[in-house]
Structure formats: structure tokens, C-alpha cells
Amino acid sequence: MGACTLAVTIAVVMIAIQHRGGRVRPRVVLWSWERPENLEFINPREIAVAFLARTIRLRAGETIVKPRLQPLRFPRGTELIAVARIETEGAALSRKQLETTVSAINQLAGRNKVGAIQIDFDAKESERPFYREMLQSLRKSLPANVGLSITALASWCVHDDWLTGLPIDEAVPMLFRMGVEREEVKGYLATGKTFRPRLCRNSLGVSTDEPLARPPAPMPDNIYAFNPLPWSAEAVSEILKEWRE
């Protein structure tokens, strides 16, 4: 996810976090990418699932929409976030592609039990006007009770503040697979600074194979966890231990 595996995504979280009788803080969301996944062992009162539901490839002259092809199993009552991955391949990003993309993502909101949409799109600077307009159009077309979130490159939340004003509920900074930005972001967080845009402060994206030496303070409300391997009870237990203790 992000620059390598999870680039732009679609997801959002609008839930009251309670210490008693409800969800504990921070809330943990498991990213489930394109592979068979059996999550029937999770406790839906503690864990939500953000699953790759659709991949949209924007190419010169065409838009290819690929649905999820791998099975996903989860217990009854699990909160679901449908993720839409957007990839561009030299496309001019036309009006028609914008409308097709919004329509393909909007369809995910009609799925049973999907309470939020998350977009995963590593938009280049030249693609940001397209992305902004797409989010504005999408927010208008989505039901009011369906949340909208995006994944965010860490740099967007540290020094490249173009997120302010977007019609989204959250931006999830992905603190893994950061590439050349890794040392810069680590140094920024080591100083105790928080993320600049408020949209980046309530959630955090982490990976099981890249533990954080120092997470940003204060503790975010939501932890999105990526696993390069299929999820297991042991891996989920480690995530809960790391972020709940």
C-alpha cells in the first residue's frame, strides 16, 4: 500500500470510541488486500476490516475497473470499509474518466454492511486537481451516513499540506513503505511534532513488518494495520498488544 503496495485508497471512520460498553481506543482496522483472507477469528467489537473492493486503472483513452477476486471471511457484526485503489498509467485524466471513477466507487456504498469508503491513490502533484474534484463529486453522491477517507503519503501530512479543505473525514498517513521519504519522516516524528493537517491526526497506517520506533503523539483514534502476509490470530494479537499497551 502507499508508494509501493497501497497507494490511494478509499476508507473512513466515523464512530464514537468509548472506554466501557463500546470500542476501546485506539480502534484497530485490518487492511485486507487482494488475497484469500479468513478473519473469522477476530472480535468485531475490537477490530474492523478495510478490504480492497475495487481497483481502478486509468490509462490513456480507457478506464479499467477490476473487482475483488479473492474471498474474504469475517464474523457477523464486523464493521466493513470498502477500499478503492486508483492507479494511473499515462492517462490524461479526462472528465469522462472522472465520472467513470466516481460511479465505480459510488457503487461500493450500496454493498450490504459497508459503512465507509476509503480511497488509495498516490496522486502526483499534477493529478491533484483531478483527485480533489473526484472527491468533491464522490462526497456529493455518497449517502450522508457513509464515511469517506483516503490513505495519504506521509509527506502529505508532514510538509505538503494540500489536504486541507478536502471533503473527507480522515486522511490516513502511511508510515511504511515510505521509500526516500523514510528518514525525513522519522526525523520529523522524533522531534515530537504532530502532523500538520488536522485530517491526518486521527488515524495512522502501520505495517506488521515495519514497527515504529516513535509513533506520533497524541495517540490516534484509529490504527490501520497492513500485513504483507495473510492475517493470523497471532499477528492480530501482536498489533493489539503494540497499540493497546
Protein backbone atom coordinates (compact mmCIF):
# COMPACT_ATOMS: atom_id res chain seq x y z
CA MET A 1 0.00 0.00 0.00
CA GLY A 2 1.14 3.58 -0.32
CA ALA A 3 4.03 4.28 -2.68
CA CYS A 4 4.67 0.57 -3.17
CA THR A 5 1.73 -1.59 -2.29
CA LEU A 6 -1.15 0.52 -1.07
CA ALA A 7 -1.28 3.80 -2.92
CA VAL A 8 -4.55 5.73 -2.79
CA THR A 9 -7.35 4.25 -1.05
CA ILE A 10 -10.85 4.72 -0.06
CA ALA A 11 -11.95 4.39 3.62
CA VAL A 12 -13.33 6.32 6.53
CA VAL A 13 -14.26 6.04 10.16
CA MET A 14 -16.96 7.96 11.97
CA ILE A 15 -17.53 6.06 15.22
CA ALA A 16 -17.78 7.02 18.86
CA ILE A 17 -14.91 5.47 20.80
CA GLN A 18 -15.89 4.50 24.32
CA HIS A 19 -13.81 3.02 27.11
CA ARG A 20 -16.69 0.99 28.53
CA GLY A 21 -19.50 -0.77 26.79
CA GLY A 22 -18.11 0.02 23.33
CA ARG A 23 -14.93 0.07 21.30
CA VAL A 24 -11.68 0.73 23.05
CA ARG A 25 -9.21 3.33 21.89
CA PRO A 26 -7.44 3.19 19.57
CA ARG A 27 -9.67 1.29 17.22
CA VAL A 28 -7.79 -1.23 15.06
CA VAL A 29 -8.65 -1.70 11.38
CA LEU A 30 -7.10 -4.54 9.41
CA TRP A 31 -6.31 -3.85 5.77
CA SER A 32 -7.18 -6.91 3.67
CA TRP A 33 -5.64 -6.70 0.22
CA GLU A 34 -6.04 -8.89 -2.88
CA ARG A 35 -5.61 -12.39 -1.46
CA PRO A 36 -7.82 -15.00 0.21
CA GLU A 37 -8.39 -13.90 3.80
CA ASN A 38 -10.13 -15.68 6.67
CA LEU A 39 -10.76 -13.26 9.53
CA GLU A 40 -13.46 -15.25 11.29
CA PHE A 41 -11.30 -15.31 14.44
CA ILE A 42 -11.42 -11.55 15.06
CA ASN A 43 -13.58 -9.86 17.69
CA PRO A 44 -15.80 -7.42 15.76
CA ARG A 45 -16.10 -5.23 18.87
CA GLU A 46 -12.35 -4.64 18.71
CA ILE A 47 -11.49 -5.00 15.04
CA ALA A 48 -12.83 -3.50 11.82
CA VAL A 49 -11.85 -4.58 8.29
CA ALA A 50 -10.87 -2.36 5.36
CA PHE A 51 -10.87 -4.61 2.30
CA LEU A 52 -9.72 -3.95 -1.24
CA ALA A 53 -13.03 -3.96 -3.07
CA ARG A 54 -12.12 -2.48 -6.44
CA THR A 55 -9.02 -1.48 -8.43
CA ILE A 56 -9.45 1.30 -10.98
CA ARG A 57 -6.74 1.75 -13.62
CA LEU A 58 -6.78 4.99 -15.58
CA ARG A 59 -4.96 4.61 -18.88
CA ALA A 60 -4.76 6.79 -21.95
CA GLY A 61 -8.19 6.58 -23.51
CA GLU A 62 -9.65 3.96 -21.17
CA THR A 63 -10.69 3.17 -17.60
CA ILE A 64 -10.40 -0.39 -16.34
CA VAL A 65 -12.40 -1.36 -13.25
CA LYS A 66 -11.34 -4.62 -11.61
CA PRO A 67 -13.44 -6.08 -8.78
CA ARG A 68 -12.05 -8.02 -5.85
CA LEU A 69 -11.50 -11.62 -6.96
CA GLN A 70 -10.34 -13.23 -3.70
CA PRO A 71 -12.66 -14.49 -0.92
CA LEU A 72 -12.91 -12.65 2.39
CA ARG A 73 -14.45 -14.18 5.51
CA PHE A 74 -15.28 -12.32 8.72
CA PRO A 75 -17.63 -12.69 11.70
CA ARG A 76 -21.12 -11.28 11.82
CA GLY A 77 -21.20 -7.71 13.07
CA THR A 78 -17.81 -6.72 11.64
CA GLU A 79 -17.60 -3.10 10.54
CA LEU A 80 -16.55 -3.01 6.88
CA ILE A 81 -14.70 -0.31 4.96
CA ALA A 82 -14.58 -0.75 1.19
CA VAL A 83 -11.27 0.34 -0.31
CA ALA A 84 -10.86 1.52 -3.88
CA ARG A 85 -7.35 1.53 -5.28
CA ILE A 86 -6.66 4.00 -8.11
CA GLU A 87 -3.70 3.64 -10.46
CA THR A 88 -2.75 5.88 -13.37
CA GLU A 89 -0.72 4.85 -16.39
CA GLY A 90 -0.01 7.90 -18.51
CA ALA A 91 -3.64 8.92 -18.63
CA ALA A 92 -4.67 12.49 -19.36
CA LEU A 93 -7.36 12.13 -16.67
CA SER A 94 -10.34 13.29 -18.65
CA ARG A 95 -13.79 14.35 -17.50
CA LYS A 96 -15.18 11.03 -18.67
CA GLN A 97 -12.62 9.14 -16.56
CA LEU A 98 -13.51 11.24 -13.54
CA GLU A 99 -17.20 10.43 -13.95
CA THR A 100 -16.50 6.72 -14.52
CA THR A 101 -14.27 6.59 -11.46
CA VAL A 102 -16.84 8.29 -9.22
CA SER A 103 -19.55 5.95 -10.46
CA ALA A 104 -17.43 2.84 -9.85
CA ILE A 105 -16.58 3.93 -6.32
CA ASN A 106 -20.10 5.08 -5.52
CA GLN A 107 -21.39 1.60 -6.27
CA LEU A 108 -19.41 0.26 -3.32
CA ALA A 109 -21.58 2.23 -0.90
CA GLY A 110 -24.54 0.08 -1.92
CA ARG A 111 -22.93 -3.08 -0.62
CA ASN A 112 -24.50 -4.61 2.44
CA LYS A 113 -22.79 -3.64 5.72
CA VAL A 114 -20.27 -1.26 4.14
CA GLY A 115 -20.23 1.80 6.35
CA ALA A 116 -17.34 3.72 4.81
CA ILE A 117 -15.30 4.14 1.67
CA GLN A 118 -11.55 4.58 1.53
CA ILE A 119 -9.56 5.66 -1.50
CA ASP A 120 -5.96 4.61 -2.05
CA PHE A 121 -4.37 6.89 -4.64
CA ASP A 122 -0.77 8.15 -4.67
CA ALA A 123 -1.70 11.18 -6.70
CA LYS A 124 1.17 13.06 -8.30
CA GLU A 125 1.15 16.83 -7.95
CA SER A 126 -0.20 17.19 -11.48
CA GLU A 127 -3.03 14.76 -10.63
CA ARG A 128 -4.21 16.57 -7.50
CA PRO A 129 -6.82 18.77 -9.24
CA PHE A 130 -8.38 15.61 -10.70
CA TYR A 131 -8.27 13.91 -7.30
CA ARG A 132 -9.77 16.90 -5.48
CA GLU A 133 -12.63 17.22 -7.95
CA MET A 134 -13.21 13.48 -7.82
CA LEU A 135 -13.51 13.56 -4.02
CA GLN A 136 -15.87 16.53 -4.16
CA SER A 137 -18.10 14.76 -6.67
CA LEU A 138 -17.94 11.49 -4.74
CA ARG A 139 -18.88 13.10 -1.44
CA LYS A 140 -21.94 14.68 -3.04
CA SER A 141 -23.08 11.36 -4.47
CA LEU A 142 -22.46 9.17 -1.41
CA PRO A 143 -25.18 8.71 1.22
CA ALA A 144 -24.68 11.06 4.17
CA ASN A 145 -24.18 8.13 6.56
CA VAL A 146 -21.29 6.65 4.55
CA GLY A 147 -17.88 7.92 5.62
CA LEU A 148 -15.15 8.91 3.19
CA SER A 149 -11.44 8.65 3.88
CA ILE A 150 -8.22 8.41 1.95
CA THR A 151 -4.80 7.00 2.52
CA ALA A 152 -2.05 9.62 2.47
CA LEU A 153 1.63 9.59 1.69
CA ALA A 154 3.48 10.57 4.85
CA SER A 155 4.88 13.66 3.11
CA TRP A 156 1.35 14.97 2.57
CA CYS A 157 0.94 15.10 6.35
CA VAL A 158 4.39 16.47 7.20
CA HIS A 159 5.16 19.35 4.85
CA ASP A 160 2.99 19.14 1.73
CA ASP A 161 -0.31 20.37 3.10
CA TRP A 162 -2.66 20.15 0.13
CA LEU A 163 -5.24 18.10 2.05
CA THR A 164 -6.88 20.94 3.96
CA GLY A 165 -10.36 21.58 2.65
CA LEU A 166 -10.88 18.17 1.07
CA PRO A 167 -14.42 16.82 1.69
CA ILE A 168 -13.21 13.77 3.61
CA ASP A 169 -13.47 12.55 7.19
CA GLU A 170 -9.86 11.45 7.54
CA ALA A 171 -6.54 11.04 5.80
CA VAL A 172 -4.54 8.02 6.97
CA PRO A 173 -0.78 8.74 6.89
CA MET A 174 1.00 5.54 5.85
CA LEU A 175 4.14 5.20 7.92
CA PHE A 176 5.54 2.25 6.00
CA ARG A 177 6.95 1.66 2.51
CA MET A 178 7.96 5.33 2.59
CA GLY A 179 10.93 4.99 0.27
CA VAL A 180 13.14 8.06 0.03
CA GLU A 181 10.92 9.95 2.49
CA ARG A 182 11.53 7.49 5.30
CA GLU A 183 14.40 9.22 7.09
CA GLU A 184 12.84 12.65 6.73
CA VAL A 185 9.55 11.49 8.23
CA LYS A 186 11.28 9.55 11.01
CA GLY A 187 13.29 12.63 11.90
CA TYR A 188 10.16 14.78 11.92
CA LEU A 189 8.34 12.42 14.28
CA ALA A 190 11.40 12.05 16.50
CA THR A 191 11.12 15.74 17.40
CA GLY A 192 7.68 15.13 18.88
CA LYS A 193 5.87 17.15 16.22
CA THR A 194 2.37 16.28 15.15
CA PHE A 195 1.10 16.09 11.59
CA ARG A 196 0.27 19.48 10.09
CA PRO A 197 -3.19 18.86 8.54
CA ARG A 198 -5.86 18.07 11.12
CA LEU A 199 -7.22 15.44 8.74
CA CYS A 200 -4.05 13.39 9.35
CA ARG A 201 -4.18 13.41 13.15
CA ASN A 202 -6.94 10.94 14.00
CA SER A 203 -5.67 7.85 12.17
CA LEU A 204 -2.41 6.10 11.39
CA GLY A 205 -1.34 3.46 8.87
CA VAL A 206 1.27 0.93 10.01
CA SER A 207 2.64 -2.42 8.86
CA THR A 208 3.46 -5.57 10.80
CA ASP A 209 6.94 -5.75 9.25
CA GLU A 210 7.93 -2.10 9.87
CA PRO A 211 7.43 -1.29 13.58
CA LEU A 212 7.57 2.37 14.54
CA ALA A 213 10.32 3.46 16.89
CA ARG A 214 8.30 6.50 17.92
CA PRO A 215 4.69 6.98 16.85
CA PRO A 216 3.29 10.50 16.61
CA ALA A 217 1.65 11.94 19.70
CA PRO A 218 -1.05 12.05 20.84
CA MET A 219 -2.28 8.52 20.22
CA PRO A 220 -4.61 8.49 17.18
CA ASP A 221 -8.16 7.20 17.44
CA ASN A 222 -7.71 4.65 14.65
CA ILE A 223 -4.85 2.34 13.74
CA TYR A 224 -4.95 0.85 10.23
CA ALA A 225 -2.68 -2.18 10.04
CA PHE A 226 -1.23 -3.74 6.89
CA ASN A 227 0.25 -7.23 6.78
CA PRO A 228 2.27 -8.47 3.77
CA LEU A 229 1.20 -11.99 4.81
CA PRO A 230 -2.29 -13.39 5.40
CA TRP A 231 -3.65 -12.31 8.78
CA SER A 232 -3.45 -14.77 11.64
CA ALA A 233 -4.66 -14.66 15.23
CA GLU A 234 -1.05 -14.25 16.33
CA ALA A 235 -0.42 -11.28 14.02
CA VAL A 236 -3.60 -9.54 15.17
CA SER A 237 -2.67 -10.19 18.79
CA GLU A 238 0.70 -8.50 18.22
CA ILE A 239 -0.96 -5.44 16.70
CA LEU A 240 -3.35 -5.16 19.63
CA LYS A 241 -0.51 -5.58 22.10
CA GLU A 242 1.62 -2.94 20.38
CA TRP A 243 -1.11 -0.30 20.22
CA ARG A 244 -3.21 -1.04 23.27
CA GLU A 245 -0.47 -1.33 25.91
